[in-house]
Every structure is written in C-alpha cells, then in structure tokens.
C-alpha cells in the first residue's frame, strides 16, 4: 500500500476544492433575514425582534442579547 503518488494526491485535493466551491455557489449566501426584523422592545442589552418569514402563518419573535467586547489594547 505505502504512500500515495503525489500526482494522485494533487488530483484528490483539487477535486475536493472544486466540490467545496461548487457547493458554496449552489447553496448561495447566508440568509440574514433576522438582521432586518423589527425591534419590538429593548431591555438593557436585550432586544425582542419580530418578523414574519416567507410561508409563515404568523409573526415569530426572538429574544436577542447584544454582547460587546472591546478590543484588547496592547501597549
């Protein structure tokens, strides 16, 4: 059995890269619908956001916490 021929290994890796790229194109960009949901109320770091997704019979709401971490300062 031994090791793989470098040419065969290259073809396997190239094929894997092609499959990953094609899969990414077929799936498309992520859906950021929640980012545009209406803010119903705000409670300190918490927000209630509501939206009616396509095909849904009613409004769906989410409780979202916003967390901010300041960047580290290196001096």
PDB file of N, CA and C in Angstrom:
ATOM      1  N   UNK A   1       0.823  -1.182   0.000  1.00  0.00           N
ATOM      2  CA  UNK A   1       0.000   0.000   0.000  1.00  0.00           C
ATOM      3  C   UNK A   1       0.867   1.246   0.000  1.00  0.00           C
ATOM      4  N   UNK A   2       1.673   1.456   0.998  1.00  0.00           N
ATOM      5  CA  UNK A   2       2.611   2.561   1.018  1.00  0.00           C
ATOM      6  C   UNK A   2       1.944   3.923   0.958  1.00  0.00           C
ATOM      7  N   UNK A   3       2.670   4.881   0.386  1.00  0.00           N
ATOM      8  CA  UNK A   3       2.158   6.251   0.310  1.00  0.00           C
ATOM      9  C   UNK A   3       1.508   6.498  -1.043  1.00  0.00           C
ATOM     10  N   UNK A   4       0.734   7.570  -1.107  1.00  0.00           N
ATOM     11  CA  UNK A   4       0.077   7.943  -2.346  1.00  0.00           C
ATOM     12  C   UNK A   4       1.056   8.623  -3.295  1.00  0.00           C
ATOM     13  N   UNK A   5       0.845   8.395  -4.554  1.00  0.00           N
ATOM     14  CA  UNK A   5       1.609   9.076  -5.586  1.00  0.00           C
ATOM     15  C   UNK A   5       1.290  10.569  -5.486  1.00  0.00           C
ATOM     16  N   UNK A   6       2.271  11.483  -5.539  1.00  0.00           N
ATOM     17  CA  UNK A   6       1.996  12.915  -5.442  1.00  0.00           C
ATOM     18  C   UNK A   6       0.998  13.417  -6.485  1.00  0.00           C
ATOM     19  N   UNK A   7       1.011  12.856  -7.668  1.00  0.00           N
ATOM     20  CA  UNK A   7       0.061  13.257  -8.711  1.00  0.00           C
ATOM     21  C   UNK A   7      -1.370  12.893  -8.334  1.00  0.00           C
ATOM     22  N   UNK A   8      -1.553  11.707  -7.784  1.00  0.00           N
ATOM     23  CA  UNK A   8      -2.885  11.270  -7.362  1.00  0.00           C
ATOM     24  C   UNK A   8      -3.366  12.114  -6.178  1.00  0.00           C
ATOM     25  N   UNK A   9      -2.466  12.387  -5.249  1.00  0.00           N
ATOM     26  CA  UNK A   9      -2.822  13.217  -4.100  1.00  0.00           C
ATOM     27  C   UNK A   9      -3.240  14.615  -4.553  1.00  0.00           C
ATOM     28  N   UNK A  10      -2.523  15.190  -5.512  1.00  0.00           N
ATOM     29  CA  UNK A  10      -2.872  16.506  -6.049  1.00  0.00           C
ATOM     30  C   UNK A  10      -4.263  16.484  -6.676  1.00  0.00           C
ATOM     31  N   UNK A  11      -4.565  15.445  -7.469  1.00  0.00           N
ATOM     32  CA  UNK A  11      -5.875  15.344  -8.109  1.00  0.00           C
ATOM     33  C   UNK A  11      -6.996  15.193  -7.081  1.00  0.00           C
ATOM     34  N   UNK A  12      -6.738  14.466  -6.001  1.00  0.00           N
ATOM     35  CA  UNK A  12      -7.749  14.292  -4.958  1.00  0.00           C
ATOM     36  C   UNK A  12      -8.035  15.621  -4.260  1.00  0.00           C
ATOM     37  N   UNK A  13      -6.985  16.357  -3.932  1.00  0.00           N
ATOM     38  CA  UNK A  13      -7.157  17.647  -3.252  1.00  0.00           C
ATOM     39  C   UNK A  13      -7.846  18.639  -4.173  1.00  0.00           C
ATOM     40  N   UNK A  14      -7.455  18.663  -5.439  1.00  0.00           N
ATOM     41  CA  UNK A  14      -8.079  19.580  -6.386  1.00  0.00           C
ATOM     42  C   UNK A  14      -9.565  19.258  -6.553  1.00  0.00           C
ATOM     43  N   UNK A  15      -9.898  17.987  -6.612  1.00  0.00           N
ATOM     44  CA  UNK A  15     -11.300  17.587  -6.726  1.00  0.00           C
ATOM     45  C   UNK A  15     -12.096  18.020  -5.500  1.00  0.00           C
ATOM     46  N   UNK A  16     -11.505  17.871  -4.334  1.00  0.00           N
ATOM     47  CA  UNK A  16     -12.174  18.292  -3.100  1.00  0.00           C
ATOM     48  C   UNK A  16     -12.416  19.797  -3.105  1.00  0.00           C
ATOM     49  N   UNK A  17     -11.441  20.576  -3.541  1.00  0.00           N
ATOM     50  CA  UNK A  17     -11.592  22.035  -3.613  1.00  0.00           C
ATOM     51  C   UNK A  17     -12.712  22.399  -4.583  1.00  0.00           C
ATOM     52  N   UNK A  18     -12.775  21.750  -5.717  1.00  0.00           N
ATOM     53  CA  UNK A  18     -13.831  22.021  -6.697  1.00  0.00           C
ATOM     54  C   UNK A  18     -15.207  21.715  -6.103  1.00  0.00           C
ATOM     55  N   UNK A  19     -15.338  20.599  -5.398  1.00  0.00           N
ATOM     56  CA  UNK A  19     -16.620  20.239  -4.781  1.00  0.00           C
ATOM     57  C   UNK A  19     -17.030  21.279  -3.746  1.00  0.00           C
ATOM     58  N   UNK A  20     -16.096  21.740  -2.939  1.00  0.00           N
ATOM     59  CA  UNK A  20     -16.402  22.740  -1.917  1.00  0.00           C
ATOM     60  C   UNK A  20     -16.840  24.052  -2.564  1.00  0.00           C
ATOM     61  N   UNK A  21     -16.159  24.489  -3.611  1.00  0.00           N
ATOM     62  CA  UNK A  21     -16.515  25.732  -4.292  1.00  0.00           C
ATOM     63  C   UNK A  21     -17.891  25.619  -4.935  1.00  0.00           C
ATOM     64  N   UNK A  22     -18.150  24.523  -5.615  1.00  0.00           N
ATOM     65  CA  UNK A  22     -19.457  24.333  -6.259  1.00  0.00           C
ATOM     66  C   UNK A  22     -20.561  24.265  -5.209  1.00  0.00           C
ATOM     67  N   UNK A  23     -20.310  23.615  -4.092  1.00  0.00           N
ATOM     68  CA  UNK A  23     -21.313  23.545  -3.020  1.00  0.00           C
ATOM     69  C   UNK A  23     -21.622  24.930  -2.481  1.00  0.00           C
ATOM     70  N   UNK A  24     -20.613  25.751  -2.317  1.00  0.00           N
ATOM     71  CA  UNK A  24     -20.821  27.110  -1.820  1.00  0.00           C
ATOM     72  C   UNK A  24     -21.627  27.948  -2.786  1.00  0.00           C
ATOM     73  N   UNK A  25     -21.412  27.770  -4.083  1.00  0.00           N
ATOM     74  CA  UNK A  25     -22.164  28.516  -5.091  1.00  0.00           C
ATOM     75  C   UNK A  25     -23.602  28.025  -5.135  1.00  0.00           C
ATOM     76  N   UNK A  26     -23.819  26.720  -5.026  1.00  0.00           N
ATOM     77  CA  UNK A  26     -25.170  26.161  -5.094  1.00  0.00           C
ATOM     78  C   UNK A  26     -26.010  26.576  -3.893  1.00  0.00           C
ATOM     79  N   UNK A  27     -25.416  26.629  -2.723  1.00  0.00           N
ATOM     80  CA  UNK A  27     -26.150  26.998  -1.515  1.00  0.00           C
ATOM     81  C   UNK A  27     -26.430  28.487  -1.502  1.00  0.00           C
ATOM     82  N   UNK A  28     -25.507  29.288  -1.967  1.00  0.00           N
ATOM     83  CA  UNK A  28     -25.699  30.729  -2.015  1.00  0.00           C
ATOM     84  C   UNK A  28     -25.304  31.381  -0.709  1.00  0.00           C
ATOM     85  N   UNK A  29     -25.471  32.695  -0.650  1.00  0.00           N
ATOM     86  CA  UNK A  29     -25.083  33.421   0.558  1.00  0.00           C
ATOM     87  C   UNK A  29     -26.033  33.106   1.703  1.00  0.00           C
ATOM     88  N   UNK A  30     -25.574  33.285   2.952  1.00  0.00           N
ATOM     89  CA  UNK A  30     -26.440  33.019   4.092  1.00  0.00           C
ATOM     90  C   UNK A  30     -27.612  33.987   4.130  1.00  0.00           C
ATOM     91  N   UNK A  31     -28.735  33.536   4.693  1.00  0.00           N
ATOM     92  CA  UNK A  31     -29.924  34.355   4.791  1.00  0.00           C
ATOM     93  C   UNK A  31     -29.838  35.199   6.061  1.00  0.00           C
ATOM     94  N   UNK A  32     -29.821  36.510   5.904  1.00  0.00           N
ATOM     95  CA  UNK A  32     -29.719  37.414   7.038  1.00  0.00           C
ATOM     96  C   UNK A  32     -31.064  38.067   7.322  1.00  0.00           C
ATOM     97  N   UNK A  33     -32.150  37.300   7.237  1.00  0.00           N
ATOM     98  CA  UNK A  33     -33.484  37.861   7.426  1.00  0.00           C
ATOM     99  C   UNK A  33     -33.672  38.373   8.853  1.00  0.00           C
ATOM    100  N   UNK A  34     -33.077  37.708   9.844  1.00  0.00           N
ATOM    101  CA  UNK A  34     -33.253  38.153  11.222  1.00  0.00           C
ATOM    102  C   UNK A  34     -32.628  39.517  11.482  1.00  0.00           C
ATOM    103  N   UNK A  35     -31.631  39.879  10.700  1.00  0.00           N
ATOM    104  CA  UNK A  35     -30.987  41.170  10.901  1.00  0.00           C
ATOM    105  C   UNK A  35     -31.924  42.321  10.556  1.00  0.00           C
ATOM    106  N   UNK A  36     -32.981  42.068   9.785  1.00  0.00           N
ATOM    107  CA  UNK A  36     -33.901  43.107   9.379  1.00  0.00           C
ATOM    108  C   UNK A  36     -35.230  43.032  10.128  1.00  0.00           C
ATOM    109  N   UNK A  37     -35.320  42.186  11.127  1.00  0.00           N
ATOM    110  CA  UNK A  37     -36.562  42.056  11.889  1.00  0.00           C
ATOM    111  C   UNK A  37     -36.821  43.335  12.679  1.00  0.00           C
ATOM    112  N   UNK A  38     -38.095  43.630  12.879  1.00  0.00           N
ATOM    113  CA  UNK A  38     -38.480  44.839  13.601  1.00  0.00           C
ATOM    114  C   UNK A  38     -38.200  44.669  15.092  1.00  0.00           C
ATOM    115  N   UNK A  39     -37.621  45.685  15.698  1.00  0.00           N
ATOM    116  CA  UNK A  39     -37.347  45.667  17.134  1.00  0.00           C
ATOM    117  C   UNK A  39     -38.627  46.093  17.845  1.00  0.00           C
ATOM    118  N   UNK A  40     -39.196  45.188  18.642  1.00  0.00           N
ATOM    119  CA  UNK A  40     -40.442  45.469  19.359  1.00  0.00           C
ATOM    120  C   UNK A  40     -40.185  46.133  20.702  1.00  0.00           C
ATOM    121  N   UNK A  41     -39.127  45.707  21.401  1.00  0.00           N
ATOM    122  CA  UNK A  41     -38.809  46.312  22.695  1.00  0.00           C
ATOM    123  C   UNK A  41     -37.338  46.097  23.007  1.00  0.00           C
ATOM    124  N   UNK A  42     -36.810  46.956  23.895  1.00  0.00           N
ATOM    125  CA  UNK A  42     -35.409  46.893  24.302  1.00  0.00           C
ATOM    126  C   UNK A  42     -35.368  46.896  25.823  1.00  0.00           C
ATOM    127  N   UNK A  43     -34.599  45.981  26.391  1.00  0.00           N
ATOM    128  CA  UNK A  43     -34.431  45.863  27.843  1.00  0.00           C
ATOM    129  C   UNK A  43     -32.943  45.724  28.135  1.00  0.00           C
ATOM    130  N   UNK A  44     -32.273  46.837  28.404  1.00  0.00           N
ATOM    131  CA  UNK A  44     -30.821  46.869  28.614  1.00  0.00           C
ATOM    132  C   UNK A  44     -30.115  46.278  27.386  1.00  0.00           C
ATOM    133  N   UNK A  45     -29.408  45.143  27.554  1.00  0.00           N
ATOM    134  CA  UNK A  45     -28.674  44.515  26.452  1.00  0.00           C
ATOM    135  C   UNK A  45     -29.542  43.545  25.643  1.00  0.00           C
ATOM    136  N   UNK A  46     -30.828  43.450  25.966  1.00  0.00           N
ATOM    137  CA  UNK A  46     -31.733  42.501  25.321  1.00  0.00           C
ATOM    138  C   UNK A  46     -32.698  43.222  24.395  1.00  0.00           C
ATOM    139  N   UNK A  47     -33.021  42.586  23.265  1.00  0.00           N
ATOM    140  CA  UNK A  47     -33.999  43.110  22.311  1.00  0.00           C
ATOM    141  C   UNK A  47     -34.986  42.010  21.955  1.00  0.00           C
ATOM    142  N   UNK A  48     -36.245  42.403  21.774  1.00  0.00           N
ATOM    143  CA  UNK A  48     -37.242  41.494  21.228  1.00  0.00           C
ATOM    144  C   UNK A  48     -37.440  41.916  19.780  1.00  0.00           C
ATOM    145  N   UNK A  49     -37.104  41.023  18.841  1.00  0.00           N
ATOM    146  CA  UNK A  49     -37.226  41.292  17.408  1.00  0.00           C
ATOM    147  C   UNK A  49     -38.260  40.347  16.820  1.00  0.00           C
ATOM    148  N   UNK A  50     -39.161  40.893  15.998  1.00  0.00           N
ATOM    149  CA  UNK A  50     -40.219  40.094  15.396  1.00  0.00           C
ATOM    150  C   UNK A  50     -40.208  40.239  13.887  1.00  0.00           C
ATOM    151  N   UNK A  51     -40.565  39.155  13.208  1.00  0.00           N
ATOM    152  CA  UNK A  51     -40.586  39.123  11.749  1.00  0.00           C
ATOM    153  C   UNK A  51     -41.555  38.031  11.319  1.00  0.00           C
ATOM    154  N   UNK A  52     -42.091  38.160  10.122  1.00  0.00           N
ATOM    155  CA  UNK A  52     -42.927  37.118   9.536  1.00  0.00           C
ATOM    156  C   UNK A  52     -42.160  36.529   8.358  1.00  0.00           C
ATOM    157  N   UNK A  53     -41.541  35.355   8.551  1.00  0.00           N
ATOM    158  CA  UNK A  53     -40.767  34.747   7.471  1.00  0.00           C
ATOM    159  C   UNK A  53     -41.683  34.321   6.321  1.00  0.00           C
ATOM    160  N   UNK A  54     -41.129  34.200   5.115  1.00  0.00           N
ATOM    161  CA  UNK A  54     -41.932  33.739   3.979  1.00  0.00           C
ATOM    162  C   UNK A  54     -42.547  32.373   4.271  1.00  0.00           C
ATOM    163  N   UNK A  55     -43.829  32.248   4.040  1.00  0.00           N
ATOM    164  CA  UNK A  55     -44.528  30.988   4.251  1.00  0.00           C
ATOM    165  C   UNK A  55     -45.055  30.790   5.659  1.00  0.00           C
ATOM    166  N   UNK A  56     -44.691  31.663   6.592  1.00  0.00           N
ATOM    167  CA  UNK A  56     -45.171  31.519   7.969  1.00  0.00           C
ATOM    168  C   UNK A  56     -46.588  32.068   8.086  1.00  0.00           C
ATOM    169  N   UNK A  57     -47.375  31.489   8.973  1.00  0.00           N
ATOM    170  CA  UNK A  57     -48.750  31.929   9.157  1.00  0.00           C
ATOM    171  C   UNK A  57     -48.836  33.127  10.084  1.00  0.00           C
ATOM    172  N   UNK A  58     -47.847  33.316  10.914  1.00  0.00           N
ATOM    173  CA  UNK A  58     -47.890  34.423  11.855  1.00  0.00           C
ATOM    174  C   UNK A  58     -46.504  34.960  12.139  1.00  0.00           C
ATOM    175  N   UNK A  59     -46.480  35.991  12.939  1.00  0.00           N
ATOM    176  CA  UNK A  59     -45.233  36.644  13.310  1.00  0.00           C
ATOM    177  C   UNK A  59     -44.450  35.764  14.277  1.00  0.00           C
ATOM    178  N   UNK A  60     -43.132  35.728  14.112  1.00  0.00           N
ATOM    179  CA  UNK A  60     -42.251  34.984  15.003  1.00  0.00           C
ATOM    180  C   UNK A  60     -41.302  35.968  15.663  1.00  0.00           C
ATOM    181  N   UNK A  61     -41.148  35.851  16.964  1.00  0.00           N
ATOM    182  CA  UNK A  61     -40.307  36.779  17.722  1.00  0.00           C
ATOM    183  C   UNK A  61     -39.129  36.038  18.348  1.00  0.00           C
ATOM    184  N   UNK A  62     -38.034  36.778  18.529  1.00  0.00           N
ATOM    185  CA  UNK A  62     -36.829  36.235  19.149  1.00  0.00           C
ATOM    186  C   UNK A  62     -36.338  37.208  20.203  1.00  0.00           C
ATOM    187  N   UNK A  63     -35.819  36.666  21.287  1.00  0.00           N
ATOM    188  CA  UNK A  63     -35.175  37.466  22.323  1.00  0.00           C
ATOM    189  C   UNK A  63     -33.672  37.369  22.065  1.00  0.00           C
ATOM    190  N   UNK A  64     -33.045  38.515  21.809  1.00  0.00           N
ATOM    191  CA  UNK A  64     -31.645  38.544  21.390  1.00  0.00           C
ATOM    192  C   UNK A  64     -30.835  39.393  22.357  1.00  0.00           C
ATOM    193  N   UNK A  65     -29.689  38.871  22.780  1.00  0.00           N
ATOM    194  CA  UNK A  65     -28.799  39.628  23.652  1.00  0.00           C
ATOM    195  C   UNK A  65     -27.626  40.126  22.832  1.00  0.00           C
ATOM    196  N   UNK A  66     -27.361  41.413  22.927  1.00  0.00           N
ATOM    197  CA  UNK A  66     -26.213  42.007  22.249  1.00  0.00           C
ATOM    198  C   UNK A  66     -25.053  42.081  23.225  1.00  0.00           C
ATOM    199  N   UNK A  67     -23.932  41.507  22.826  1.00  0.00           N
ATOM    200  CA  UNK A  67     -22.745  41.474  23.688  1.00  0.00           C
ATOM    201  C   UNK A  67     -21.639  42.234  22.981  1.00  0.00           C
ATOM    202  N   UNK A  68     -21.027  43.147  23.678  1.00  0.00           N
ATOM    203  CA  UNK A  68     -19.916  43.904  23.129  1.00  0.00           C
ATOM    204  C   UNK A  68     -18.668  43.617  23.941  1.00  0.00           C
ATOM    205  N   UNK A  69     -17.614  43.242  23.256  1.00  0.00           N
ATOM    206  CA  UNK A  69     -16.323  43.021  23.905  1.00  0.00           C
ATOM    207  C   UNK A  69     -15.340  43.988  23.271  1.00  0.00           C
ATOM    208  N   UNK A  70     -14.846  44.956  24.033  1.00  0.00           N
ATOM    209  CA  UNK A  70     -13.886  45.902  23.454  1.00  0.00           C
ATOM    210  C   UNK A  70     -12.612  45.187  23.040  1.00  0.00           C
ATOM    211  N   UNK A  71     -11.960  45.679  22.000  1.00  0.00           N
ATOM    212  CA  UNK A  71     -10.719  45.044  21.554  1.00  0.00           C
ATOM    213  C   UNK A  71      -9.629  45.168  22.614  1.00  0.00           C
ATOM    214  N   UNK A  72      -8.747  44.194  22.607  1.00  0.00           N
ATOM    215  CA  UNK A  72      -7.622  44.234  23.544  1.00  0.00           C
ATOM    216  C   UNK A  72      -6.659  45.317  23.123  1.00  0.00           C
ATOM    217  N   UNK A  73      -6.192  46.056  24.093  1.00  0.00           N
ATOM    218  CA  UNK A  73      -5.194  47.089  23.826  1.00  0.00           C
ATOM    219  C   UNK A  73      -3.833  46.554  24.218  1.00  0.00           C
ATOM    220  N   UNK A  74      -2.939  46.532  23.260  1.00  0.00           N
ATOM    221  CA  UNK A  74      -1.582  46.065  23.521  1.00  0.00           C
ATOM    222  C   UNK A  74      -0.663  47.270  23.471  1.00  0.00           C
ATOM    223  N   UNK A  75       0.000  47.519  24.573  1.00  0.00           N
ATOM    224  CA  UNK A  75       0.897  48.694  24.599  1.00  0.00           C
ATOM    225  C   UNK A  75       2.299  48.270  24.951  1.00  0.00           C
TER     226      UNK A  75
END
